[in-house]
Amino acid sequence: MDPTTTHPVQFSVDFPDRELNRLTTAFRIVVVIPIAIVLGAVSAGTMQWDSDGSTMTVVAGAGGILFLAPLLMILFRRKYPRWWFDWNLELQRFANRVGVYLMLMDDRYPSTDEHQSVHLDYPYPDVERDLNRWLPLVKWFLAIPHYVVLFFLDIAVIVVVIVAWFAVLFTGRYPRGAFDFVQGVMRWHNRVIAYALVLVTDRYPPFSLAA
C-alpha cells in the first residue's frame, strides 16, 4: 500500500450487474426489519439494574463501536487490543451490509458473518508507530466539517435511493451512477468513523467520494 496514493480505509460494494429481485425491493423497508433488530441488539449499550430498582445504562461505545476503551489504551498504554479492533471492524462490516441492503444495492439478505458484496478493510495499527497518542482526544472535533457535509450528502442519498427504488421496480436494474454515488457516501462515512470513532488511523479523511 502506497500511503501517498491509497487511503488506509478501503470500502467498496460489488455492482449488481444483473436483474434485482423486484418483490423484495418493493417491500425492502419491511423485510429489513428482522436484521435491523439484530444489528440494534449488538450495537446497543447494556442495561444494568441498581439495587433500589432504578436503571443505569452502560454504554459500550458509539452505537456499539468501542470508542472510549481504545482511546484510553492508546493514550496511556500505547496499544490497541486486537480483539477490540476485530470487534469494531466486524461490526462496521455488518452495519454496512445492512445499509447496503436497505439502500437496495444488493438483494441478498445481509449475513451476520459472511462479507457478501460489501468490502470494508483497514490495517491493524501499530500504535507506537502509526498513531499519535494525543490525537484521539480531538479527532471527534476535527471531524466536524465532515459531519456537516455528510448531513447534506445523506439527504441527497435518500433522494437517490427513492429514484433507484422506482428504477429497480420498473427495470430490475440499479442505475450505475446512483449506485456509485451512494457507495461513495458510504465510503466517506466509513473513513470518518475509522478516523474519529474507531481510532485506527491518523490519516484525515478526504472530502471525496472516490476510492
N, C-alpha and C. Protein backbone atom coordinates (compact mmCIF):
# COMPACT_ATOMS: atom_id res chain seq x y z
N MET A 1 0.84 -1.19 0.00
CA MET A 1 0.00 0.00 0.00
C MET A 1 0.88 1.24 0.00
N ASP A 2 0.66 2.14 -0.95
CA ASP A 2 1.39 3.40 -1.02
C ASP A 2 0.60 4.44 -0.25
N PRO A 3 1.08 4.90 0.91
CA PRO A 3 0.31 5.81 1.74
C PRO A 3 0.05 7.16 1.11
N THR A 4 0.80 7.50 0.06
CA THR A 4 0.60 8.79 -0.58
C THR A 4 -0.54 8.75 -1.59
N THR A 5 -0.95 7.57 -1.99
CA THR A 5 -1.99 7.48 -3.02
C THR A 5 -3.21 6.70 -2.56
N THR A 6 -3.07 5.85 -1.57
CA THR A 6 -4.16 4.97 -1.17
C THR A 6 -4.55 5.23 0.27
N HIS A 7 -5.83 5.48 0.49
CA HIS A 7 -6.29 5.69 1.86
C HIS A 7 -6.31 4.35 2.58
N PRO A 8 -5.91 4.31 3.87
CA PRO A 8 -5.88 3.03 4.58
C PRO A 8 -7.25 2.40 4.77
N VAL A 9 -8.31 3.20 4.74
CA VAL A 9 -9.67 2.66 4.87
C VAL A 9 -10.24 2.46 3.47
N GLN A 10 -10.42 1.20 3.11
CA GLN A 10 -10.91 0.86 1.78
C GLN A 10 -12.32 0.28 1.88
N PHE A 11 -13.23 0.83 1.06
CA PHE A 11 -14.61 0.37 1.07
C PHE A 11 -15.12 0.30 -0.37
N SER A 12 -15.83 -0.80 -0.66
CA SER A 12 -16.45 -0.92 -1.98
C SER A 12 -17.61 -1.91 -1.88
N VAL A 13 -18.52 -1.80 -2.84
CA VAL A 13 -19.65 -2.70 -2.94
C VAL A 13 -19.69 -3.22 -4.38
N ASP A 14 -19.82 -4.53 -4.54
CA ASP A 14 -19.89 -5.11 -5.88
C ASP A 14 -21.17 -4.65 -6.57
N PHE A 15 -21.02 -4.08 -7.76
CA PHE A 15 -22.19 -3.62 -8.51
C PHE A 15 -22.99 -4.82 -9.00
N PRO A 16 -24.29 -4.85 -8.74
CA PRO A 16 -25.11 -6.00 -9.18
C PRO A 16 -25.46 -5.89 -10.66
N ASP A 17 -24.59 -6.40 -11.51
CA ASP A 17 -24.81 -6.34 -12.95
C ASP A 17 -25.76 -7.46 -13.37
N ARG A 18 -26.95 -7.41 -12.83
CA ARG A 18 -27.97 -8.43 -13.07
C ARG A 18 -29.32 -7.85 -12.67
N GLU A 19 -30.37 -8.58 -12.93
CA GLU A 19 -31.69 -8.11 -12.54
C GLU A 19 -31.91 -8.40 -11.05
N LEU A 20 -32.30 -7.38 -10.32
CA LEU A 20 -32.53 -7.49 -8.90
C LEU A 20 -33.96 -7.96 -8.61
N ASN A 21 -34.15 -8.53 -7.44
CA ASN A 21 -35.46 -9.03 -7.04
C ASN A 21 -36.41 -7.85 -6.82
N ARG A 22 -37.43 -7.74 -7.66
CA ARG A 22 -38.33 -6.59 -7.58
C ARG A 22 -39.28 -6.68 -6.38
N LEU A 23 -39.65 -7.89 -6.01
CA LEU A 23 -40.59 -8.04 -4.89
C LEU A 23 -39.97 -7.61 -3.58
N THR A 24 -38.76 -8.11 -3.29
CA THR A 24 -38.13 -7.72 -2.03
C THR A 24 -37.70 -6.25 -2.07
N THR A 25 -37.44 -5.73 -3.27
CA THR A 25 -37.13 -4.31 -3.39
C THR A 25 -38.34 -3.47 -3.03
N ALA A 26 -39.50 -3.89 -3.50
CA ALA A 26 -40.73 -3.13 -3.24
C ALA A 26 -41.02 -3.03 -1.75
N PHE A 27 -40.70 -4.08 -1.00
CA PHE A 27 -41.02 -4.11 0.43
C PHE A 27 -39.76 -4.12 1.30
N ARG A 28 -38.67 -3.54 0.77
CA ARG A 28 -37.39 -3.58 1.47
C ARG A 28 -37.47 -2.97 2.86
N ILE A 29 -38.22 -1.89 3.01
CA ILE A 29 -38.31 -1.22 4.30
C ILE A 29 -38.93 -2.12 5.36
N VAL A 30 -39.68 -3.14 4.89
CA VAL A 30 -40.32 -4.08 5.82
C VAL A 30 -39.42 -5.30 6.06
N VAL A 31 -38.90 -5.86 4.98
CA VAL A 31 -38.14 -7.11 5.11
C VAL A 31 -36.79 -6.89 5.80
N VAL A 32 -36.33 -5.66 5.86
CA VAL A 32 -35.06 -5.39 6.54
C VAL A 32 -35.21 -5.36 8.06
N ILE A 33 -36.44 -5.29 8.55
CA ILE A 33 -36.67 -5.12 9.99
C ILE A 33 -36.00 -6.20 10.85
N PRO A 34 -36.14 -7.50 10.53
CA PRO A 34 -35.52 -8.51 11.42
C PRO A 34 -34.01 -8.35 11.57
N ILE A 35 -33.30 -8.13 10.46
CA ILE A 35 -31.85 -8.00 10.56
C ILE A 35 -31.47 -6.66 11.19
N ALA A 36 -32.32 -5.65 11.02
CA ALA A 36 -32.07 -4.37 11.67
C ALA A 36 -32.19 -4.51 13.19
N ILE A 37 -33.12 -5.35 13.64
CA ILE A 37 -33.26 -5.61 15.07
C ILE A 37 -32.01 -6.31 15.61
N VAL A 38 -31.49 -7.27 14.84
CA VAL A 38 -30.26 -7.96 15.24
C VAL A 38 -29.11 -6.97 15.33
N LEU A 39 -28.99 -6.10 14.32
CA LEU A 39 -27.93 -5.09 14.35
C LEU A 39 -28.09 -4.17 15.55
N GLY A 40 -29.33 -3.78 15.84
CA GLY A 40 -29.57 -2.94 17.00
C GLY A 40 -29.20 -3.63 18.30
N ALA A 41 -29.42 -4.96 18.35
CA ALA A 41 -29.11 -5.71 19.56
C ALA A 41 -27.62 -5.74 19.85
N VAL A 42 -26.79 -5.85 18.80
CA VAL A 42 -25.35 -5.89 19.02
C VAL A 42 -24.74 -4.49 19.08
N SER A 43 -25.52 -3.48 18.70
CA SER A 43 -25.00 -2.11 18.68
C SER A 43 -25.39 -1.31 19.90
N ALA A 44 -26.36 -1.80 20.69
CA ALA A 44 -26.88 -1.02 21.81
C ALA A 44 -26.00 -1.16 23.04
N GLY A 45 -26.14 -0.21 23.96
CA GLY A 45 -25.47 -0.32 25.25
C GLY A 45 -26.16 -1.39 26.10
N THR A 46 -25.48 -1.84 27.13
CA THR A 46 -26.05 -2.83 28.02
C THR A 46 -26.80 -2.14 29.16
N MET A 47 -27.76 -2.83 29.74
CA MET A 47 -28.57 -2.26 30.81
C MET A 47 -28.35 -3.04 32.09
N GLN A 48 -28.14 -2.32 33.19
CA GLN A 48 -27.99 -2.95 34.49
C GLN A 48 -28.99 -2.32 35.46
N TRP A 49 -29.41 -3.12 36.43
CA TRP A 49 -30.37 -2.63 37.42
C TRP A 49 -29.65 -2.34 38.74
N ASP A 50 -29.95 -1.17 39.30
CA ASP A 50 -29.44 -0.84 40.63
C ASP A 50 -30.27 -1.54 41.69
N SER A 51 -29.75 -1.61 42.89
CA SER A 51 -30.44 -2.30 43.97
C SER A 51 -31.74 -1.62 44.38
N ASP A 52 -31.85 -0.30 44.14
CA ASP A 52 -33.07 0.41 44.53
C ASP A 52 -34.14 0.35 43.44
N GLY A 53 -33.87 -0.37 42.37
CA GLY A 53 -34.87 -0.55 41.32
C GLY A 53 -34.74 0.41 40.16
N SER A 54 -33.91 1.43 40.28
CA SER A 54 -33.70 2.34 39.16
C SER A 54 -32.77 1.70 38.15
N THR A 55 -32.73 2.25 36.96
CA THR A 55 -31.91 1.66 35.91
C THR A 55 -30.69 2.53 35.63
N MET A 56 -29.66 1.88 35.15
CA MET A 56 -28.45 2.58 34.76
C MET A 56 -27.96 1.98 33.45
N THR A 57 -27.80 2.82 32.44
CA THR A 57 -27.33 2.35 31.15
C THR A 57 -25.82 2.43 31.07
N VAL A 58 -25.20 1.34 30.69
CA VAL A 58 -23.76 1.31 30.50
C VAL A 58 -23.50 1.29 29.00
N VAL A 59 -22.97 2.36 28.47
CA VAL A 59 -22.77 2.47 27.03
C VAL A 59 -21.42 1.88 26.65
N ALA A 60 -21.43 0.91 25.74
CA ALA A 60 -20.19 0.26 25.33
C ALA A 60 -19.36 1.15 24.44
N GLY A 61 -19.99 2.05 23.72
CA GLY A 61 -19.26 2.92 22.82
C GLY A 61 -20.21 3.76 22.02
N ALA A 62 -19.81 4.15 20.83
CA ALA A 62 -20.65 4.98 19.97
C ALA A 62 -21.49 4.07 19.09
N GLY A 63 -22.67 3.69 19.57
CA GLY A 63 -23.53 2.82 18.79
C GLY A 63 -22.96 1.42 18.64
N GLY A 64 -22.37 0.88 19.72
CA GLY A 64 -21.80 -0.45 19.65
C GLY A 64 -20.32 -0.46 19.35
N ILE A 65 -19.84 0.59 18.71
CA ILE A 65 -18.41 0.69 18.42
C ILE A 65 -17.66 1.03 19.70
N LEU A 66 -16.61 0.29 19.98
CA LEU A 66 -15.78 0.57 21.15
C LEU A 66 -14.95 1.82 20.86
N PHE A 67 -15.19 2.86 21.64
CA PHE A 67 -14.51 4.13 21.44
C PHE A 67 -13.69 4.55 22.65
N LEU A 68 -14.33 4.63 23.81
CA LEU A 68 -13.64 5.14 24.99
C LEU A 68 -12.50 4.24 25.44
N ALA A 69 -12.76 2.91 25.42
CA ALA A 69 -11.72 1.98 25.87
C ALA A 69 -10.48 2.04 24.98
N PRO A 70 -10.61 1.96 23.64
CA PRO A 70 -9.40 2.11 22.80
C PRO A 70 -8.71 3.45 22.98
N LEU A 71 -9.52 4.52 23.17
CA LEU A 71 -8.92 5.84 23.37
C LEU A 71 -8.01 5.83 24.61
N LEU A 72 -8.51 5.26 25.70
CA LEU A 72 -7.72 5.22 26.93
C LEU A 72 -6.48 4.35 26.78
N MET A 73 -6.61 3.24 26.07
CA MET A 73 -5.46 2.35 25.87
C MET A 73 -4.40 3.01 24.99
N ILE A 74 -4.85 3.72 23.95
CA ILE A 74 -3.90 4.43 23.09
C ILE A 74 -3.20 5.53 23.88
N LEU A 75 -3.98 6.23 24.70
CA LEU A 75 -3.45 7.36 25.44
C LEU A 75 -2.46 6.94 26.52
N PHE A 76 -2.80 5.90 27.29
CA PHE A 76 -1.99 5.55 28.45
C PHE A 76 -1.07 4.34 28.26
N ARG A 77 -1.47 3.42 27.35
CA ARG A 77 -0.67 2.20 27.20
C ARG A 77 -0.02 2.08 25.82
N ARG A 78 -0.36 2.98 24.91
CA ARG A 78 0.18 2.93 23.54
C ARG A 78 -0.07 1.57 22.90
N LYS A 79 -1.30 1.05 23.05
CA LYS A 79 -1.65 -0.21 22.40
C LYS A 79 -3.13 -0.21 22.06
N TYR A 80 -3.50 -1.06 21.11
CA TYR A 80 -4.89 -1.23 20.68
C TYR A 80 -5.15 -2.73 20.68
N PRO A 81 -5.83 -3.26 21.71
CA PRO A 81 -6.05 -4.71 21.77
C PRO A 81 -6.67 -5.26 20.49
N ARG A 82 -6.11 -6.34 20.01
CA ARG A 82 -6.53 -6.86 18.71
C ARG A 82 -8.01 -7.24 18.68
N TRP A 83 -8.51 -7.81 19.77
CA TRP A 83 -9.90 -8.25 19.73
C TRP A 83 -10.85 -7.07 19.74
N TRP A 84 -10.46 -5.92 20.29
CA TRP A 84 -11.27 -4.71 20.19
C TRP A 84 -11.28 -4.23 18.73
N PHE A 85 -10.12 -4.28 18.10
CA PHE A 85 -10.02 -3.91 16.69
C PHE A 85 -10.92 -4.80 15.83
N ASP A 86 -10.84 -6.11 16.05
CA ASP A 86 -11.64 -7.05 15.27
C ASP A 86 -13.13 -6.82 15.49
N TRP A 87 -13.54 -6.55 16.73
CA TRP A 87 -14.95 -6.28 17.02
C TRP A 87 -15.44 -5.06 16.24
N ASN A 88 -14.67 -3.96 16.32
CA ASN A 88 -15.08 -2.74 15.63
C ASN A 88 -15.17 -2.94 14.13
N LEU A 89 -14.18 -3.63 13.57
CA LEU A 89 -14.18 -3.85 12.12
C LEU A 89 -15.35 -4.72 11.69
N GLU A 90 -15.58 -5.81 12.39
CA GLU A 90 -16.67 -6.71 12.00
C GLU A 90 -18.05 -6.06 12.23
N LEU A 91 -18.18 -5.25 13.27
CA LEU A 91 -19.44 -4.56 13.49
C LEU A 91 -19.68 -3.55 12.38
N GLN A 92 -18.64 -2.83 11.97
CA GLN A 92 -18.79 -1.91 10.84
C GLN A 92 -19.18 -2.65 9.57
N ARG A 93 -18.55 -3.78 9.33
CA ARG A 93 -18.87 -4.55 8.14
C ARG A 93 -20.33 -5.01 8.16
N PHE A 94 -20.78 -5.49 9.31
CA PHE A 94 -22.16 -5.94 9.44
C PHE A 94 -23.13 -4.78 9.21
N ALA A 95 -22.85 -3.64 9.84
CA ALA A 95 -23.71 -2.47 9.68
C ALA A 95 -23.75 -2.02 8.22
N ASN A 96 -22.63 -2.12 7.53
CA ASN A 96 -22.61 -1.74 6.12
C ASN A 96 -23.41 -2.71 5.25
N ARG A 97 -23.37 -4.00 5.58
CA ARG A 97 -24.17 -4.96 4.82
C ARG A 97 -25.66 -4.65 4.97
N VAL A 98 -26.07 -4.32 6.19
CA VAL A 98 -27.47 -3.95 6.40
C VAL A 98 -27.79 -2.66 5.65
N GLY A 99 -26.88 -1.69 5.70
CA GLY A 99 -27.10 -0.44 4.99
C GLY A 99 -27.19 -0.62 3.49
N VAL A 100 -26.32 -1.45 2.94
CA VAL A 100 -26.35 -1.72 1.50
C VAL A 100 -27.65 -2.38 1.09
N TYR A 101 -28.12 -3.31 1.91
CA TYR A 101 -29.40 -3.97 1.63
C TYR A 101 -30.55 -2.98 1.70
N LEU A 102 -30.56 -2.13 2.71
CA LEU A 102 -31.62 -1.14 2.87
C LEU A 102 -31.63 -0.15 1.72
N MET A 103 -30.46 0.17 1.20
CA MET A 103 -30.37 1.13 0.10
C MET A 103 -30.45 0.45 -1.26
N LEU A 104 -30.89 -0.80 -1.28
CA LEU A 104 -31.26 -1.54 -2.49
C LEU A 104 -30.08 -1.91 -3.38
N MET A 105 -28.86 -1.81 -2.86
CA MET A 105 -27.68 -2.06 -3.67
C MET A 105 -27.39 -3.55 -3.83
N ASP A 106 -28.05 -4.38 -3.03
CA ASP A 106 -27.92 -5.83 -3.12
C ASP A 106 -29.25 -6.43 -2.67
N ASP A 107 -29.68 -7.50 -3.32
CA ASP A 107 -30.94 -8.11 -2.92
C ASP A 107 -30.73 -9.39 -2.10
N ARG A 108 -29.48 -9.69 -1.77
CA ARG A 108 -29.21 -10.82 -0.88
C ARG A 108 -29.35 -10.35 0.56
N TYR A 109 -30.05 -11.15 1.37
CA TYR A 109 -30.30 -10.74 2.75
C TYR A 109 -28.97 -10.65 3.50
N PRO A 110 -28.78 -9.60 4.30
CA PRO A 110 -27.48 -9.41 4.97
C PRO A 110 -27.11 -10.57 5.88
N SER A 111 -25.88 -11.02 5.74
CA SER A 111 -25.35 -12.07 6.61
C SER A 111 -24.76 -11.45 7.85
N THR A 112 -24.80 -12.19 8.95
CA THR A 112 -24.17 -11.71 10.18
C THR A 112 -22.66 -11.93 10.19
N ASP A 113 -22.16 -12.77 9.26
CA ASP A 113 -20.72 -13.04 9.27
C ASP A 113 -20.07 -13.03 7.88
N GLU A 114 -20.76 -13.50 6.84
CA GLU A 114 -20.17 -13.51 5.50
C GLU A 114 -20.13 -12.08 4.94
N HIS A 115 -19.08 -11.78 4.19
CA HIS A 115 -18.91 -10.43 3.69
C HIS A 115 -19.82 -10.10 2.52
N GLN A 116 -20.25 -11.11 1.78
CA GLN A 116 -21.14 -10.93 0.63
C GLN A 116 -20.55 -9.92 -0.35
N SER A 117 -21.33 -8.92 -0.76
CA SER A 117 -20.86 -7.98 -1.79
C SER A 117 -20.18 -6.75 -1.21
N VAL A 118 -20.09 -6.68 0.11
CA VAL A 118 -19.59 -5.48 0.77
C VAL A 118 -18.16 -5.72 1.25
N HIS A 119 -17.27 -4.82 0.89
CA HIS A 119 -15.85 -4.96 1.23
C HIS A 119 -15.38 -3.73 2.00
N LEU A 120 -15.05 -3.94 3.27
CA LEU A 120 -14.51 -2.88 4.11
C LEU A 120 -13.27 -3.43 4.80
N ASP A 121 -12.19 -2.67 4.73
CA ASP A 121 -10.97 -3.14 5.36
C ASP A 121 -10.09 -1.96 5.73
N TYR A 122 -9.35 -2.12 6.81
CA TYR A 122 -8.30 -1.18 7.17
C TYR A 122 -7.29 -1.94 8.01
N PRO A 123 -6.01 -1.54 7.96
CA PRO A 123 -4.96 -2.32 8.62
C PRO A 123 -4.98 -2.14 10.13
N TYR A 124 -4.57 -3.19 10.82
CA TYR A 124 -4.42 -3.14 12.28
C TYR A 124 -3.24 -2.22 12.60
N PRO A 125 -3.48 -1.19 13.43
CA PRO A 125 -2.41 -0.20 13.64
C PRO A 125 -1.34 -0.66 14.63
N ASP A 126 -0.11 -0.32 14.32
CA ASP A 126 0.97 -0.39 15.29
C ASP A 126 0.94 0.95 16.01
N VAL A 127 0.38 0.99 17.20
CA VAL A 127 0.07 2.26 17.86
C VAL A 127 1.31 3.13 18.02
N GLU A 128 2.39 2.56 18.49
CA GLU A 128 3.60 3.36 18.73
C GLU A 128 4.15 3.96 17.44
N ARG A 129 3.95 3.27 16.34
CA ARG A 129 4.50 3.74 15.07
C ARG A 129 3.48 4.56 14.28
N ASP A 130 2.20 4.15 14.30
CA ASP A 130 1.21 4.69 13.38
C ASP A 130 0.29 5.76 13.98
N LEU A 131 0.14 5.79 15.31
CA LEU A 131 -0.86 6.66 15.91
C LEU A 131 -0.24 7.64 16.90
N ASN A 132 -0.70 8.87 16.85
CA ASN A 132 -0.34 9.87 17.84
C ASN A 132 -1.19 9.64 19.08
N ARG A 133 -0.58 9.50 20.24
CA ARG A 133 -1.31 9.12 21.44
C ARG A 133 -2.30 10.19 21.89
N TRP A 134 -2.05 11.48 21.53
CA TRP A 134 -2.91 12.57 21.99
C TRP A 134 -4.02 12.91 21.00
N LEU A 135 -3.85 12.55 19.76
CA LEU A 135 -4.81 12.94 18.72
C LEU A 135 -6.23 12.38 18.95
N PRO A 136 -6.41 11.17 19.50
CA PRO A 136 -7.77 10.68 19.73
C PRO A 136 -8.63 11.58 20.60
N LEU A 137 -8.00 12.43 21.41
CA LEU A 137 -8.76 13.33 22.27
C LEU A 137 -9.50 14.40 21.48
N VAL A 138 -9.02 14.69 20.27
CA VAL A 138 -9.62 15.79 19.49
C VAL A 138 -10.11 15.36 18.12
N LYS A 139 -9.97 14.09 17.78
CA LYS A 139 -10.39 13.65 16.45
C LYS A 139 -11.86 13.91 16.18
N TRP A 140 -12.70 13.67 17.21
CA TRP A 140 -14.13 13.90 17.05
C TRP A 140 -14.41 15.36 16.69
N PHE A 141 -13.60 16.27 17.24
CA PHE A 141 -13.77 17.69 16.96
C PHE A 141 -13.24 18.05 15.58
N LEU A 142 -12.10 17.48 15.23
CA LEU A 142 -11.52 17.77 13.91
C LEU A 142 -12.39 17.27 12.78
N ALA A 143 -13.24 16.28 13.06
CA ALA A 143 -14.10 15.71 12.02
C ALA A 143 -15.40 16.47 11.84
N ILE A 144 -15.64 17.54 12.59
CA ILE A 144 -16.90 18.29 12.49
C ILE A 144 -17.21 18.75 11.07
N PRO A 145 -16.24 19.26 10.30
CA PRO A 145 -16.58 19.63 8.91
C PRO A 145 -17.15 18.47 8.10
N HIS A 146 -16.66 17.26 8.38
CA HIS A 146 -17.21 16.10 7.68
C HIS A 146 -18.65 15.84 8.09
N TYR A 147 -18.97 16.00 9.38
CA TYR A 147 -20.34 15.77 9.83
C TYR A 147 -21.30 16.70 9.08
N VAL A 148 -20.89 17.94 8.88
CA VAL A 148 -21.74 18.92 8.20
C VAL A 148 -21.97 18.52 6.75
N VAL A 149 -20.89 18.19 6.05
CA VAL A 149 -21.01 17.81 4.64
C VAL A 149 -21.82 16.52 4.50
N LEU A 150 -21.56 15.55 5.36
CA LEU A 150 -22.27 14.27 5.27
C LEU A 150 -23.75 14.41 5.58
N PHE A 151 -24.13 15.38 6.40
CA PHE A 151 -25.55 15.62 6.67
C PHE A 151 -26.28 15.91 5.36
N PHE A 152 -25.72 16.79 4.55
CA PHE A 152 -26.36 17.15 3.28
C PHE A 152 -26.24 16.02 2.26
N LEU A 153 -25.12 15.32 2.27
CA LEU A 153 -24.98 14.18 1.36
C LEU A 153 -25.98 13.08 1.70
N ASP A 154 -26.26 12.88 2.98
CA ASP A 154 -27.23 11.86 3.38
C ASP A 154 -28.63 12.21 2.88
N ILE A 155 -28.96 13.49 2.88
CA ILE A 155 -30.25 13.92 2.33
C ILE A 155 -30.30 13.58 0.84
N ALA A 156 -29.19 13.84 0.14
CA ALA A 156 -29.13 13.51 -1.28
C ALA A 156 -29.25 12.01 -1.51
N VAL A 157 -28.64 11.21 -0.61
CA VAL A 157 -28.72 9.75 -0.73
C VAL A 157 -30.17 9.28 -0.64
N ILE A 158 -30.94 9.87 0.26
CA ILE A 158 -32.35 9.48 0.38
C ILE A 158 -33.09 9.70 -0.94
N VAL A 159 -32.84 10.85 -1.55
CA VAL A 159 -33.49 11.15 -2.84
C VAL A 159 -33.04 10.17 -3.91
N VAL A 160 -31.74 9.90 -3.96
CA VAL A 160 -31.19 9.00 -4.98
C VAL A 160 -31.73 7.58 -4.79
N VAL A 161 -31.84 7.12 -3.56
CA VAL A 161 -32.35 5.77 -3.31
C VAL A 161 -33.81 5.66 -3.69
N ILE A 162 -34.59 6.71 -3.47
CA ILE A 162 -36.00 6.69 -3.91
C ILE A 162 -36.09 6.56 -5.42
N VAL A 163 -35.25 7.31 -6.13
CA VAL A 163 -35.21 7.20 -7.59
C VAL A 163 -34.78 5.80 -8.01
N ALA A 164 -33.77 5.25 -7.33
CA ALA A 164 -33.29 3.90 -7.64
C ALA A 164 -34.37 2.87 -7.36
N TRP A 165 -35.18 3.09 -6.32
CA TRP A 165 -36.28 2.17 -5.99
C TRP A 165 -37.24 2.04 -7.16
N PHE A 166 -37.63 3.17 -7.74
CA PHE A 166 -38.51 3.14 -8.91
C PHE A 166 -37.81 2.48 -10.10
N ALA A 167 -36.52 2.76 -10.27
CA ALA A 167 -35.78 2.18 -11.40
C ALA A 167 -35.73 0.66 -11.29
N VAL A 168 -35.47 0.14 -10.09
CA VAL A 168 -35.42 -1.31 -9.91
C VAL A 168 -36.79 -1.93 -10.12
N LEU A 169 -37.83 -1.28 -9.63
CA LEU A 169 -39.18 -1.82 -9.79
C LEU A 169 -39.57 -1.93 -11.26
N PHE A 170 -39.19 -0.95 -12.07
CA PHE A 170 -39.60 -0.94 -13.47
C PHE A 170 -38.62 -1.63 -14.41
N THR A 171 -37.33 -1.63 -14.07
CA THR A 171 -36.34 -2.19 -14.99
C THR A 171 -35.59 -3.37 -14.40
N GLY A 172 -35.63 -3.52 -13.07
CA GLY A 172 -34.87 -4.58 -12.41
C GLY A 172 -33.41 -4.24 -12.22
N ARG A 173 -33.01 -3.03 -12.62
CA ARG A 173 -31.60 -2.64 -12.56
C ARG A 173 -31.41 -1.40 -11.69
N TYR A 174 -30.28 -1.36 -11.02
CA TYR A 174 -29.90 -0.21 -10.21
C TYR A 174 -29.05 0.71 -11.09
N PRO A 175 -29.47 1.95 -11.31
CA PRO A 175 -28.67 2.85 -12.16
C PRO A 175 -27.23 2.97 -11.66
N ARG A 176 -26.28 2.81 -12.54
CA ARG A 176 -24.88 2.78 -12.14
C ARG A 176 -24.42 4.10 -11.50
N GLY A 177 -24.87 5.22 -12.05
CA GLY A 177 -24.49 6.50 -11.47
C GLY A 177 -25.00 6.67 -10.05
N ALA A 178 -26.25 6.24 -9.82
CA ALA A 178 -26.83 6.31 -8.48
C ALA A 178 -26.08 5.39 -7.53
N PHE A 179 -25.73 4.19 -8.02
CA PHE A 179 -25.00 3.22 -7.22
C PHE A 179 -23.66 3.79 -6.78
N ASP A 180 -22.93 4.38 -7.73
CA ASP A 180 -21.60 4.92 -7.41
C ASP A 180 -21.70 6.06 -6.41
N PHE A 181 -22.74 6.87 -6.52
CA PHE A 181 -22.90 7.99 -5.58
C PHE A 181 -23.16 7.47 -4.17
N VAL A 182 -24.09 6.54 -4.02
CA VAL A 182 -24.41 6.01 -2.70
C VAL A 182 -23.20 5.28 -2.11
N GLN A 183 -22.50 4.53 -2.94
CA GLN A 183 -21.28 3.84 -2.49
C GLN A 183 -20.25 4.85 -2.01
N GLY A 184 -20.11 5.96 -2.73
CA GLY A 184 -19.14 6.97 -2.36
C GLY A 184 -19.46 7.63 -1.02
N VAL A 185 -20.74 7.89 -0.77
CA VAL A 185 -21.13 8.48 0.50
C VAL A 185 -20.88 7.49 1.64
N MET A 186 -21.18 6.22 1.41
CA MET A 186 -20.90 5.20 2.44
C MET A 186 -19.40 5.11 2.70
N ARG A 187 -18.61 5.20 1.65
CA ARG A 187 -17.14 5.16 1.81
C ARG A 187 -16.68 6.33 2.67
N TRP A 188 -17.23 7.50 2.40
CA TRP A 188 -16.90 8.71 3.17
C TRP A 188 -17.24 8.50 4.64
N HIS A 189 -18.44 7.98 4.92
CA HIS A 189 -18.86 7.71 6.29
C HIS A 189 -17.88 6.76 6.98
N ASN A 190 -17.51 5.70 6.30
CA ASN A 190 -16.63 4.70 6.92
C ASN A 190 -15.26 5.28 7.24
N ARG A 191 -14.76 6.16 6.42
CA ARG A 191 -13.45 6.76 6.68
C ARG A 191 -13.52 7.72 7.87
N VAL A 192 -14.61 8.45 7.98
CA VAL A 192 -14.77 9.34 9.12
C VAL A 192 -14.91 8.53 10.41
N ILE A 193 -15.69 7.45 10.37
CA ILE A 193 -15.85 6.59 11.54
C ILE A 193 -14.51 5.98 11.96
N ALA A 194 -13.76 5.49 10.98
CA ALA A 194 -12.46 4.87 11.30
C ALA A 194 -11.50 5.89 11.91
N TYR A 195 -11.59 7.13 11.47
CA TYR A 195 -10.70 8.18 11.98
C TYR A 195 -11.15 8.69 13.34
N ALA A 196 -12.43 9.07 13.47
CA ALA A 196 -12.89 9.78 14.66
C ALA A 196 -13.41 8.89 15.76
N LEU A 197 -13.90 7.69 15.44
CA LEU A 197 -14.51 6.84 16.46
C LEU A 197 -13.75 5.54 16.69
N VAL A 198 -13.40 4.85 15.63
CA VAL A 198 -12.68 3.59 15.78
C VAL A 198 -11.20 3.85 16.07
N LEU A 199 -10.69 5.00 15.63
CA LEU A 199 -9.34 5.47 16.00
C LEU A 199 -8.22 4.59 15.46
N VAL A 200 -8.42 3.98 14.29
CA VAL A 200 -7.41 3.08 13.75
C VAL A 200 -6.43 3.78 12.82
N THR A 201 -6.69 5.05 12.49
CA THR A 201 -5.79 5.76 11.60
C THR A 201 -5.76 7.24 11.97
N ASP A 202 -4.60 7.86 11.75
CA ASP A 202 -4.46 9.30 11.93
C ASP A 202 -4.58 10.04 10.60
N ARG A 203 -4.78 9.30 9.54
CA ARG A 203 -4.92 9.91 8.21
C ARG A 203 -6.28 10.60 8.12
N TYR A 204 -6.27 11.93 7.95
CA TYR A 204 -7.52 12.68 7.92
C TYR A 204 -8.33 12.30 6.70
N PRO A 205 -9.63 12.04 6.90
CA PRO A 205 -10.46 11.59 5.76
C PRO A 205 -10.52 12.64 4.66
N PRO A 206 -10.40 12.23 3.42
CA PRO A 206 -10.52 13.20 2.32
C PRO A 206 -11.98 13.59 2.11
N PHE A 207 -12.19 14.80 1.63
CA PHE A 207 -13.54 15.26 1.26
C PHE A 207 -13.81 14.75 -0.15
N SER A 208 -14.06 13.46 -0.25
CA SER A 208 -14.17 12.84 -1.56
C SER A 208 -15.01 11.58 -1.49
N LEU A 209 -15.73 11.31 -2.57
CA LEU A 209 -16.50 10.07 -2.71
C LEU A 209 -15.65 8.96 -3.33
N ALA A 210 -14.50 9.32 -3.85
CA ALA A 210 -13.71 8.37 -4.63
C ALA A 210 -12.99 7.38 -3.74
N ALA A 211 -12.62 6.24 -4.36
CA ALA A 211 -11.87 5.20 -3.64
C ALA A 211 -10.46 5.67 -3.35
